[in-house]
């Protein structure tokens, strides 16, 4: 079994971390009316989606 298939809870924690970070960046974008946090948040949501997909593949 590969590394991706072994650590279900690791992937779940990464999903939570990247989703929370993206939410923080969206809040920064709304608060300060800047565009760069939106792009960072979108990138973090893409990474969170990849981690979620890995978690689904490894669920016990």
Protein backbone atom coordinates (compact mmCIF):
# COMPACT_ATOMS: atom_id res chain seq x y z
CA UNK A 1 0.00 0.00 0.00
CA UNK A 2 1.20 3.45 -0.84
CA UNK A 3 1.70 6.37 1.50
CA UNK A 4 -1.50 8.05 0.29
CA UNK A 5 -3.58 5.01 1.10
CA UNK A 6 -2.41 4.68 4.70
CA UNK A 7 -3.08 7.93 6.50
CA UNK A 8 -6.84 8.62 6.47
CA UNK A 9 -6.92 10.92 9.50
CA UNK A 10 -3.87 12.81 8.26
CA UNK A 11 -5.77 13.69 5.07
CA UNK A 12 -8.87 14.66 7.05
CA UNK A 13 -6.81 17.04 9.20
CA UNK A 14 -5.21 18.57 6.10
CA UNK A 15 -8.64 19.18 4.59
CA UNK A 16 -9.71 21.00 7.76
CA UNK A 17 -6.52 23.08 7.89
CA UNK A 18 -6.61 24.16 4.25
CA UNK A 19 -10.34 24.91 4.37
CA UNK A 20 -9.92 27.04 7.49
CA UNK A 21 -6.99 28.88 5.91
CA UNK A 22 -9.05 29.52 2.77
CA UNK A 23 -11.91 30.88 4.88
CA UNK A 24 -9.47 33.21 6.61
CA UNK A 25 -8.15 34.48 3.29
CA UNK A 26 -11.69 35.06 2.01
CA UNK A 27 -12.44 37.06 5.16
CA UNK A 28 -9.27 39.11 4.55
CA UNK A 29 -10.35 39.75 0.97
CA UNK A 30 -13.77 40.96 2.07
CA UNK A 31 -12.40 43.07 4.92
CA UNK A 32 -9.60 44.82 3.04
CA UNK A 33 -11.08 44.74 -0.50
CA UNK A 34 -7.95 43.19 -1.97
CA UNK A 35 -7.83 40.57 -4.65
CA UNK A 36 -4.74 38.50 -3.80
CA UNK A 37 -6.33 36.69 -0.83
CA UNK A 38 -9.05 35.40 -3.16
CA UNK A 39 -6.48 33.71 -5.40
CA UNK A 40 -4.70 32.26 -2.37
CA UNK A 41 -8.04 30.98 -1.02
CA UNK A 42 -8.89 29.36 -4.34
CA UNK A 43 -5.52 27.62 -4.43
CA UNK A 44 -6.02 26.40 -0.86
CA UNK A 45 -9.48 25.09 -1.70
CA UNK A 46 -8.03 23.17 -4.64
CA UNK A 47 -5.43 21.62 -2.32
CA UNK A 48 -8.17 20.85 0.23
CA UNK A 49 -10.18 19.16 -2.52
CA UNK A 50 -7.20 17.00 -3.41
CA UNK A 51 -6.72 16.06 0.22
CA UNK A 52 -10.42 15.24 0.53
CA UNK A 53 -10.18 13.00 -2.50
CA UNK A 54 -7.20 11.21 -0.96
CA UNK A 55 -9.13 10.84 2.32
CA UNK A 56 -12.09 9.31 0.51
CA UNK A 57 -9.81 6.81 -1.20
CA UNK A 58 -8.20 5.82 2.11
CA UNK A 59 -11.19 5.72 4.42
CA UNK A 60 -11.26 2.68 6.63
